[in-house]
Amino acid sequence: MKTLMTTLVAVLALSLSSWGYAKECKGQSQSACGKSSSCKWVDGYKRKDGKQVKGYCRASAGKAKSKLSATAKDAKKTTSKKSEAAVSQAKSKAKSKAKSKSKSKAELAKAKAETKKKSKSKAKQKSKDLAKAAKSSGN
């Protein structure tokens, strides 16, 4: 629950921080957009579905209002640390799982080899028994 709240705060803070500049940049002409350091002009492009998108002004990357910026950074750091811990834990689990699988494979291979060895010795014993039986019946 705590992680969910932290994530929610981080998302909210990040979205609010860019919202102020996005609002400032929205609808500006290319020339007006270029004059503002907090805005950036995005050239028009064609999407995969074939639709043509006109050029537009948007907030520059990394630009945020100062009050919201600190909150967003703090939330991002907290979330990032928790994410790193979760990733580390997942990697650890994966490694131990891989080790147990490799042990299982090794044990399985060993068991197969032993079974093969036993069946060979049984076959040898059978052939010896048959040879004895043939000798005794031949006498």
N, C-alpha and C. Protein backbone atom coordinates (compact mmCIF):
# COMPACT_ATOMS: atom_id res chain seq x y z
N MET A 1 0.83 -1.19 0.00
CA MET A 1 0.00 0.00 0.00
C MET A 1 0.88 1.26 0.00
N LYS A 2 1.96 1.19 0.80
CA LYS A 2 2.86 2.33 0.89
C LYS A 2 3.54 2.60 -0.46
N THR A 3 3.93 1.51 -1.12
CA THR A 3 4.56 1.63 -2.44
C THR A 3 3.59 2.23 -3.45
N LEU A 4 2.34 1.81 -3.39
CA LEU A 4 1.32 2.33 -4.28
C LEU A 4 1.15 3.83 -4.07
N MET A 5 1.11 4.25 -2.82
CA MET A 5 0.95 5.68 -2.52
C MET A 5 2.16 6.47 -3.01
N THR A 6 3.35 5.94 -2.79
CA THR A 6 4.57 6.61 -3.23
C THR A 6 4.58 6.76 -4.75
N THR A 7 4.20 5.69 -5.43
CA THR A 7 4.16 5.73 -6.89
C THR A 7 3.13 6.74 -7.37
N LEU A 8 1.99 6.75 -6.72
CA LEU A 8 0.93 7.69 -7.08
C LEU A 8 1.39 9.14 -6.90
N VAL A 9 2.07 9.42 -5.79
CA VAL A 9 2.58 10.77 -5.53
C VAL A 9 3.61 11.15 -6.59
N ALA A 10 4.48 10.19 -6.94
CA ALA A 10 5.52 10.47 -7.94
C ALA A 10 4.89 10.79 -9.29
N VAL A 11 3.93 9.99 -9.69
CA VAL A 11 3.27 10.22 -10.98
C VAL A 11 2.55 11.55 -10.98
N LEU A 12 1.85 11.83 -9.91
CA LEU A 12 1.10 13.09 -9.80
C LEU A 12 2.06 14.28 -9.84
N ALA A 13 3.15 14.19 -9.08
CA ALA A 13 4.11 15.29 -9.04
C ALA A 13 4.76 15.50 -10.41
N LEU A 14 5.13 14.43 -11.07
CA LEU A 14 5.75 14.55 -12.38
C LEU A 14 4.79 15.11 -13.42
N SER A 15 3.55 14.68 -13.35
CA SER A 15 2.58 15.18 -14.33
C SER A 15 2.25 16.65 -14.07
N LEU A 16 2.16 17.02 -12.80
CA LEU A 16 1.88 18.43 -12.48
C LEU A 16 3.04 19.34 -12.84
N SER A 17 4.27 18.82 -12.69
CA SER A 17 5.43 19.66 -12.96
C SER A 17 5.51 20.03 -14.44
N SER A 18 5.19 19.10 -15.31
CA SER A 18 5.25 19.41 -16.74
C SER A 18 3.97 20.08 -17.21
N TRP A 19 2.91 19.97 -16.46
CA TRP A 19 1.61 20.54 -16.84
C TRP A 19 1.69 22.06 -16.96
N GLY A 20 2.40 22.71 -16.02
CA GLY A 20 2.51 24.17 -16.05
C GLY A 20 3.16 24.66 -17.33
N TYR A 21 4.25 24.04 -17.74
CA TYR A 21 4.94 24.44 -18.96
C TYR A 21 4.19 23.98 -20.19
N ALA A 22 3.58 22.82 -20.12
CA ALA A 22 2.81 22.36 -21.26
C ALA A 22 1.70 23.35 -21.56
N LYS A 23 1.10 23.86 -20.50
CA LYS A 23 0.02 24.84 -20.65
C LYS A 23 0.58 26.13 -21.26
N GLU A 24 1.78 26.50 -20.82
CA GLU A 24 2.43 27.72 -21.32
C GLU A 24 2.81 27.58 -22.79
N CYS A 25 3.23 26.40 -23.21
CA CYS A 25 3.72 26.17 -24.56
C CYS A 25 2.60 25.84 -25.55
N LYS A 26 1.52 25.28 -25.07
CA LYS A 26 0.45 24.81 -25.94
C LYS A 26 -0.10 25.91 -26.84
N GLY A 27 -0.17 25.60 -28.13
CA GLY A 27 -0.77 26.51 -29.08
C GLY A 27 0.13 27.62 -29.60
N GLN A 28 1.38 27.68 -29.16
CA GLN A 28 2.28 28.73 -29.63
C GLN A 28 2.73 28.44 -31.07
N SER A 29 3.03 29.51 -31.78
CA SER A 29 3.55 29.37 -33.13
C SER A 29 5.00 28.91 -33.04
N GLN A 30 5.56 28.50 -34.17
CA GLN A 30 6.93 28.02 -34.18
C GLN A 30 7.90 29.12 -33.75
N SER A 31 7.68 30.33 -34.21
CA SER A 31 8.60 31.43 -33.84
C SER A 31 8.49 31.77 -32.36
N ALA A 32 7.27 31.81 -31.82
CA ALA A 32 7.08 32.12 -30.40
C ALA A 32 7.63 30.99 -29.52
N CYS A 33 7.48 29.77 -29.99
CA CYS A 33 7.96 28.62 -29.24
C CYS A 33 9.48 28.64 -29.13
N GLY A 34 10.16 29.01 -30.21
CA GLY A 34 11.62 29.06 -30.23
C GLY A 34 12.19 30.12 -29.31
N LYS A 35 11.42 31.16 -29.00
CA LYS A 35 11.90 32.24 -28.13
C LYS A 35 11.89 31.83 -26.66
N SER A 36 11.02 30.90 -26.30
CA SER A 36 10.91 30.49 -24.90
C SER A 36 11.88 29.35 -24.61
N SER A 37 12.65 29.49 -23.52
CA SER A 37 13.62 28.46 -23.16
C SER A 37 12.93 27.23 -22.56
N SER A 38 11.70 27.40 -22.09
CA SER A 38 11.00 26.28 -21.48
C SER A 38 10.19 25.47 -22.50
N CYS A 39 10.19 25.93 -23.77
CA CYS A 39 9.42 25.24 -24.81
C CYS A 39 10.33 24.76 -25.94
N LYS A 40 9.83 23.79 -26.68
CA LYS A 40 10.59 23.22 -27.79
C LYS A 40 9.62 22.93 -28.94
N TRP A 41 10.03 23.23 -30.17
CA TRP A 41 9.19 22.97 -31.32
C TRP A 41 9.44 21.55 -31.82
N VAL A 42 8.36 20.80 -32.03
CA VAL A 42 8.44 19.46 -32.58
C VAL A 42 7.94 19.53 -34.01
N ASP A 43 8.79 19.14 -34.98
CA ASP A 43 8.40 19.17 -36.38
C ASP A 43 7.30 18.15 -36.66
N GLY A 44 6.53 18.43 -37.69
CA GLY A 44 5.47 17.51 -38.09
C GLY A 44 6.06 16.18 -38.56
N TYR A 45 5.25 15.15 -38.49
CA TYR A 45 5.69 13.82 -38.88
C TYR A 45 4.50 12.97 -39.31
N LYS A 46 4.82 11.82 -39.90
CA LYS A 46 3.78 10.90 -40.36
C LYS A 46 3.79 9.67 -39.45
N ARG A 47 2.63 9.33 -38.88
CA ARG A 47 2.53 8.19 -37.99
C ARG A 47 2.50 6.89 -38.78
N LYS A 48 2.66 5.77 -38.08
CA LYS A 48 2.65 4.46 -38.72
C LYS A 48 1.33 4.19 -39.43
N ASP A 49 0.24 4.71 -38.86
CA ASP A 49 -1.07 4.48 -39.48
C ASP A 49 -1.33 5.39 -40.68
N GLY A 50 -0.32 6.22 -41.04
CA GLY A 50 -0.42 7.07 -42.22
C GLY A 50 -0.92 8.47 -41.97
N LYS A 51 -1.40 8.74 -40.75
CA LYS A 51 -1.92 10.07 -40.44
C LYS A 51 -0.77 11.06 -40.30
N GLN A 52 -0.94 12.24 -40.89
CA GLN A 52 0.06 13.30 -40.82
C GLN A 52 -0.19 14.13 -39.56
N VAL A 53 0.84 14.34 -38.76
CA VAL A 53 0.74 15.15 -37.54
C VAL A 53 1.46 16.47 -37.81
N LYS A 54 0.78 17.58 -37.53
CA LYS A 54 1.38 18.91 -37.74
C LYS A 54 2.40 19.19 -36.64
N GLY A 55 3.34 20.09 -36.92
CA GLY A 55 4.33 20.49 -35.92
C GLY A 55 3.63 21.19 -34.76
N TYR A 56 4.23 21.11 -33.56
CA TYR A 56 3.61 21.72 -32.38
C TYR A 56 4.68 22.12 -31.37
N CYS A 57 4.28 22.95 -30.45
CA CYS A 57 5.16 23.43 -29.39
C CYS A 57 4.90 22.60 -28.14
N ARG A 58 5.96 22.19 -27.46
CA ARG A 58 5.79 21.41 -26.23
C ARG A 58 6.82 21.84 -25.20
N ALA A 59 6.62 21.44 -23.95
CA ALA A 59 7.56 21.78 -22.89
C ALA A 59 8.88 21.05 -23.14
N SER A 60 10.00 21.74 -22.91
CA SER A 60 11.31 21.12 -23.07
C SER A 60 11.51 20.05 -22.01
N ALA A 61 12.28 19.06 -22.33
CA ALA A 61 12.58 17.99 -21.38
C ALA A 61 13.34 18.56 -20.20
N GLY A 62 13.00 18.13 -19.01
CA GLY A 62 13.71 18.55 -17.81
C GLY A 62 13.28 19.89 -17.27
N LYS A 63 12.33 20.56 -17.88
CA LYS A 63 11.87 21.84 -17.38
C LYS A 63 10.67 21.61 -16.48
N ALA A 64 10.75 22.15 -15.27
CA ALA A 64 9.63 22.01 -14.34
C ALA A 64 9.59 23.22 -13.42
N LYS A 65 8.43 23.49 -12.88
CA LYS A 65 8.30 24.62 -11.95
C LYS A 65 9.02 24.25 -10.66
N SER A 66 9.63 25.23 -10.00
CA SER A 66 10.50 24.97 -8.86
C SER A 66 9.80 24.29 -7.69
N LYS A 67 8.60 24.72 -7.32
CA LYS A 67 7.91 24.11 -6.18
C LYS A 67 7.60 22.65 -6.46
N LEU A 68 7.12 22.37 -7.63
CA LEU A 68 6.74 21.01 -7.97
C LEU A 68 7.97 20.17 -8.29
N SER A 69 9.01 20.81 -8.76
CA SER A 69 10.22 20.08 -9.15
C SER A 69 10.81 19.33 -7.97
N ALA A 70 10.93 19.97 -6.82
CA ALA A 70 11.50 19.34 -5.64
C ALA A 70 10.65 18.15 -5.20
N THR A 71 9.35 18.32 -5.21
CA THR A 71 8.45 17.24 -4.82
C THR A 71 8.58 16.07 -5.80
N ALA A 72 8.63 16.38 -7.06
CA ALA A 72 8.74 15.33 -8.07
C ALA A 72 10.06 14.59 -7.94
N LYS A 73 11.15 15.33 -7.72
CA LYS A 73 12.45 14.70 -7.58
C LYS A 73 12.49 13.79 -6.35
N ASP A 74 11.94 14.27 -5.22
CA ASP A 74 11.91 13.46 -4.00
C ASP A 74 11.11 12.19 -4.22
N ALA A 75 9.94 12.34 -4.83
CA ALA A 75 9.10 11.18 -5.09
C ALA A 75 9.77 10.21 -6.04
N LYS A 76 10.44 10.77 -7.04
CA LYS A 76 11.13 9.93 -8.03
C LYS A 76 12.27 9.17 -7.36
N LYS A 77 13.04 9.84 -6.48
CA LYS A 77 14.14 9.18 -5.78
C LYS A 77 13.62 8.03 -4.93
N THR A 78 12.55 8.29 -4.17
CA THR A 78 11.98 7.27 -3.30
C THR A 78 11.51 6.08 -4.12
N THR A 79 10.80 6.37 -5.20
CA THR A 79 10.30 5.31 -6.07
C THR A 79 11.45 4.56 -6.71
N SER A 80 12.47 5.31 -7.13
CA SER A 80 13.61 4.70 -7.79
C SER A 80 14.34 3.75 -6.84
N LYS A 81 14.53 4.15 -5.58
CA LYS A 81 15.21 3.29 -4.61
C LYS A 81 14.41 2.02 -4.40
N LYS A 82 13.09 2.14 -4.29
CA LYS A 82 12.25 0.97 -4.09
C LYS A 82 12.27 0.09 -5.32
N SER A 83 12.30 0.71 -6.49
CA SER A 83 12.35 -0.06 -7.73
C SER A 83 13.66 -0.82 -7.82
N GLU A 84 14.76 -0.16 -7.44
CA GLU A 84 16.07 -0.81 -7.47
C GLU A 84 16.08 -2.01 -6.53
N ALA A 85 15.47 -1.84 -5.35
CA ALA A 85 15.42 -2.94 -4.40
C ALA A 85 14.60 -4.10 -4.95
N ALA A 86 13.49 -3.78 -5.59
CA ALA A 86 12.64 -4.82 -6.18
C ALA A 86 13.37 -5.55 -7.30
N VAL A 87 14.09 -4.80 -8.13
CA VAL A 87 14.85 -5.41 -9.22
C VAL A 87 15.94 -6.31 -8.67
N SER A 88 16.63 -5.82 -7.64
CA SER A 88 17.70 -6.60 -7.02
C SER A 88 17.14 -7.90 -6.44
N GLN A 89 15.99 -7.79 -5.78
CA GLN A 89 15.36 -8.97 -5.19
C GLN A 89 14.95 -9.96 -6.28
N ALA A 90 14.40 -9.46 -7.36
CA ALA A 90 13.99 -10.32 -8.47
C ALA A 90 15.19 -11.02 -9.09
N LYS A 91 16.30 -10.29 -9.25
CA LYS A 91 17.52 -10.88 -9.80
C LYS A 91 18.03 -12.00 -8.89
N SER A 92 17.99 -11.73 -7.58
CA SER A 92 18.45 -12.71 -6.61
C SER A 92 17.62 -13.99 -6.69
N LYS A 93 16.30 -13.81 -6.80
CA LYS A 93 15.40 -14.96 -6.91
C LYS A 93 15.69 -15.74 -8.19
N ALA A 94 15.91 -15.01 -9.27
CA ALA A 94 16.18 -15.65 -10.56
C ALA A 94 17.48 -16.45 -10.50
N LYS A 95 18.50 -15.88 -9.85
CA LYS A 95 19.78 -16.58 -9.73
C LYS A 95 19.63 -17.87 -8.93
N SER A 96 18.92 -17.78 -7.79
CA SER A 96 18.76 -18.97 -6.96
C SER A 96 17.93 -20.02 -7.69
N LYS A 97 16.94 -19.58 -8.46
CA LYS A 97 16.12 -20.50 -9.24
C LYS A 97 16.98 -21.19 -10.30
N ALA A 98 17.84 -20.41 -10.96
CA ALA A 98 18.72 -20.96 -11.99
C ALA A 98 19.69 -21.96 -11.37
N LYS A 99 20.20 -21.65 -10.17
CA LYS A 99 21.12 -22.57 -9.50
C LYS A 99 20.41 -23.88 -9.17
N SER A 100 19.18 -23.77 -8.65
CA SER A 100 18.45 -24.99 -8.30
C SER A 100 18.12 -25.79 -9.55
N LYS A 101 17.82 -25.09 -10.65
CA LYS A 101 17.56 -25.81 -11.91
C LYS A 101 18.81 -26.53 -12.37
N SER A 102 19.97 -25.84 -12.29
CA SER A 102 21.20 -26.47 -12.74
C SER A 102 21.57 -27.65 -11.84
N LYS A 103 21.29 -27.51 -10.53
CA LYS A 103 21.53 -28.63 -9.63
C LYS A 103 20.60 -29.78 -9.99
N SER A 104 19.36 -29.45 -10.24
CA SER A 104 18.39 -30.48 -10.61
C SER A 104 18.81 -31.18 -11.88
N LYS A 105 19.29 -30.42 -12.87
CA LYS A 105 19.74 -31.01 -14.12
C LYS A 105 20.93 -31.93 -13.87
N ALA A 106 21.86 -31.48 -13.02
CA ALA A 106 23.04 -32.28 -12.71
C ALA A 106 22.64 -33.56 -12.00
N GLU A 107 21.71 -33.43 -11.04
CA GLU A 107 21.24 -34.60 -10.31
C GLU A 107 20.52 -35.57 -11.24
N LEU A 108 19.74 -35.02 -12.15
CA LEU A 108 19.02 -35.85 -13.11
C LEU A 108 19.99 -36.60 -14.03
N ALA A 109 21.01 -35.91 -14.49
CA ALA A 109 22.01 -36.53 -15.35
C ALA A 109 22.74 -37.65 -14.60
N LYS A 110 23.05 -37.39 -13.34
CA LYS A 110 23.73 -38.38 -12.52
C LYS A 110 22.85 -39.61 -12.32
N ALA A 111 21.57 -39.37 -12.04
CA ALA A 111 20.63 -40.48 -11.84
C ALA A 111 20.48 -41.30 -13.12
N LYS A 112 20.43 -40.62 -14.27
CA LYS A 112 20.33 -41.32 -15.55
C LYS A 112 21.55 -42.20 -15.78
N ALA A 113 22.72 -41.64 -15.47
CA ALA A 113 23.97 -42.39 -15.66
C ALA A 113 23.99 -43.62 -14.77
N GLU A 114 23.54 -43.47 -13.52
CA GLU A 114 23.51 -44.60 -12.59
C GLU A 114 22.52 -45.67 -13.08
N THR A 115 21.37 -45.23 -13.56
CA THR A 115 20.36 -46.16 -14.08
C THR A 115 20.91 -46.93 -15.28
N LYS A 116 21.60 -46.21 -16.15
CA LYS A 116 22.19 -46.83 -17.34
C LYS A 116 23.24 -47.87 -16.93
N LYS A 117 24.04 -47.49 -15.93
CA LYS A 117 25.08 -48.38 -15.44
C LYS A 117 24.46 -49.65 -14.84
N LYS A 118 23.38 -49.46 -14.06
CA LYS A 118 22.71 -50.61 -13.44
C LYS A 118 22.10 -51.52 -14.50
N SER A 119 21.48 -50.91 -15.51
CA SER A 119 20.86 -51.75 -16.55
C SER A 119 21.92 -52.51 -17.34
N LYS A 120 23.09 -51.90 -17.57
CA LYS A 120 24.19 -52.60 -18.26
C LYS A 120 24.67 -53.78 -17.42
N SER A 121 24.82 -53.56 -16.10
CA SER A 121 25.30 -54.64 -15.24
C SER A 121 24.25 -55.75 -15.15
N LYS A 122 22.98 -55.39 -15.18
CA LYS A 122 21.92 -56.40 -15.17
C LYS A 122 21.96 -57.22 -16.46
N ALA A 123 22.18 -56.52 -17.57
CA ALA A 123 22.27 -57.21 -18.86
C ALA A 123 23.46 -58.16 -18.88
N LYS A 124 24.59 -57.72 -18.34
CA LYS A 124 25.78 -58.58 -18.27
C LYS A 124 25.50 -59.81 -17.41
N GLN A 125 24.84 -59.57 -16.29
CA GLN A 125 24.51 -60.66 -15.38
C GLN A 125 23.59 -61.66 -16.05
N LYS A 126 22.62 -61.15 -16.80
CA LYS A 126 21.69 -62.03 -17.52
C LYS A 126 22.43 -62.88 -18.54
N SER A 127 23.33 -62.25 -19.29
CA SER A 127 24.08 -63.00 -20.30
C SER A 127 24.98 -64.05 -19.64
N LYS A 128 25.55 -63.73 -18.47
CA LYS A 128 26.36 -64.71 -17.73
C LYS A 128 25.49 -65.88 -17.28
N ASP A 129 24.31 -65.54 -16.76
CA ASP A 129 23.39 -66.58 -16.30
C ASP A 129 22.97 -67.49 -17.46
N LEU A 130 22.70 -66.88 -18.62
CA LEU A 130 22.32 -67.66 -19.80
C LEU A 130 23.47 -68.56 -20.26
N ALA A 131 24.67 -68.03 -20.20
CA ALA A 131 25.85 -68.80 -20.60
C ALA A 131 26.04 -69.99 -19.66
N LYS A 132 25.85 -69.77 -18.35
CA LYS A 132 25.97 -70.85 -17.38
C LYS A 132 24.90 -71.91 -17.64
N ALA A 133 23.69 -71.41 -17.90
CA ALA A 133 22.59 -72.34 -18.14
C ALA A 133 22.85 -73.17 -19.39
N ALA A 134 23.39 -72.52 -20.42
CA ALA A 134 23.69 -73.24 -21.66
C ALA A 134 24.79 -74.26 -21.43
N LYS A 135 25.80 -73.93 -20.65
CA LYS A 135 26.89 -74.87 -20.35
C LYS A 135 26.35 -76.07 -19.58
N SER A 136 25.54 -75.77 -18.57
CA SER A 136 25.02 -76.87 -17.74
C SER A 136 24.05 -77.75 -18.51
N SER A 137 23.30 -77.21 -19.43
CA SER A 137 22.38 -78.02 -20.23
C SER A 137 23.15 -78.76 -21.33
N GLY A 138 24.26 -78.18 -21.75
CA GLY A 138 25.09 -78.81 -22.81
C GLY A 138 25.91 -79.94 -22.27
N ASN A 139 26.16 -79.99 -21.01
CA ASN A 139 26.98 -81.07 -20.40
C ASN A 139 26.20 -82.29 -20.28
